[in-house]
Amino acid sequence: MGETITREYQYLYFYVDGNKKIPVVSGATRDLNLAVFPEKEIVGKIMNDFNIRTDLFVWIDGTEFLVKTN
């Protein structure tokens, strides 16, 4: 019988200020889709709560993805 292997992926949302990456939210998930394509309301809340005026990225296991551009 086959065994399903589930893995948790670590993620970190961040923005870039000058040449520094500023982390804002981190966590772990088993659903990569939710980390890379979060709900619009969550992205808006992160952008507003941290007063982000630049692009928002997510880092997942060594790979960076653009989540929202300003």
Protein backbone atom coordinates (compact mmCIF):
# COMPACT_ATOMS: atom_id res chain seq x y z
CA MET A 1 0.00 0.00 0.00
CA GLY A 2 1.25 3.51 -0.82
CA GLU A 3 2.05 5.99 1.89
CA THR A 4 1.27 9.68 1.55
CA ILE A 5 4.10 11.91 2.65
CA THR A 6 3.10 15.37 3.77
CA ARG A 7 5.67 18.06 4.24
CA GLU A 8 5.44 21.44 5.87
CA TYR A 9 6.98 24.28 3.91
CA GLN A 10 8.46 27.23 5.78
CA TYR A 11 7.51 30.61 4.34
CA LEU A 12 8.47 34.21 4.99
CA TYR A 13 6.76 37.28 3.58
CA PHE A 14 9.09 40.24 3.12
CA TYR A 15 9.61 43.49 1.29
CA VAL A 16 12.76 45.20 0.07
CA ASP A 17 13.83 48.59 1.45
CA GLY A 18 16.89 49.86 -0.39
CA ASN A 19 18.98 46.71 -0.57
CA LYS A 20 17.67 45.15 2.68
CA LYS A 21 15.02 42.44 2.86
CA ILE A 22 12.62 43.26 5.69
CA PRO A 23 10.69 40.22 7.02
CA VAL A 24 7.08 40.79 8.08
CA VAL A 25 5.24 37.45 8.45
CA SER A 26 6.53 33.88 8.72
CA GLY A 27 5.03 30.48 9.25
CA ALA A 28 4.64 26.96 7.91
CA THR A 29 2.06 25.40 5.63
CA ARG A 30 1.40 22.20 3.76
CA ASP A 31 -0.48 24.08 1.03
CA LEU A 32 1.98 25.93 -1.20
CA ASN A 33 -0.88 27.43 -3.18
CA LEU A 34 -2.05 29.40 -0.14
CA ALA A 35 1.45 30.70 0.57
CA VAL A 36 2.26 31.77 -2.99
CA PHE A 37 -1.28 32.95 -3.88
CA PRO A 38 -2.75 34.22 -0.60
CA GLU A 39 -6.23 35.71 -0.43
CA LYS A 40 -6.46 39.34 -1.52
CA GLU A 41 -7.68 40.41 1.95
CA ILE A 42 -4.64 38.88 3.67
CA VAL A 43 -2.24 40.62 1.29
CA GLY A 44 -4.03 43.93 1.82
CA LYS A 45 -3.86 43.51 5.60
CA ILE A 46 -0.12 42.76 5.51
CA MET A 47 0.51 45.75 3.24
CA ASN A 48 -1.51 48.08 5.49
CA ASP A 49 -0.34 46.73 8.87
CA PHE A 50 3.33 47.09 7.97
CA ASN A 51 2.86 50.23 5.83
CA ILE A 52 4.53 48.56 2.84
CA ARG A 53 4.87 50.85 -0.18
CA THR A 54 7.08 48.53 -2.23
CA ASP A 55 6.63 45.02 -3.64
CA LEU A 56 5.67 42.12 -1.34
CA PHE A 57 7.49 38.80 -1.77
CA VAL A 58 7.28 35.37 -0.21
CA TRP A 59 10.31 33.13 0.37
CA ILE A 60 9.61 29.40 0.43
CA ASP A 61 12.41 26.91 0.97
CA GLY A 62 15.02 29.01 -0.82
CA THR A 63 12.85 30.35 -3.64
CA GLU A 64 11.38 33.86 -3.79
CA PHE A 65 8.03 34.70 -5.39
CA LEU A 66 6.50 38.11 -6.06
CA VAL A 67 3.11 38.27 -4.32
CA LYS A 68 2.03 41.86 -4.94
CA THR A 69 3.60 44.77 -6.74
CA ASN A 70 3.04 48.40 -5.82
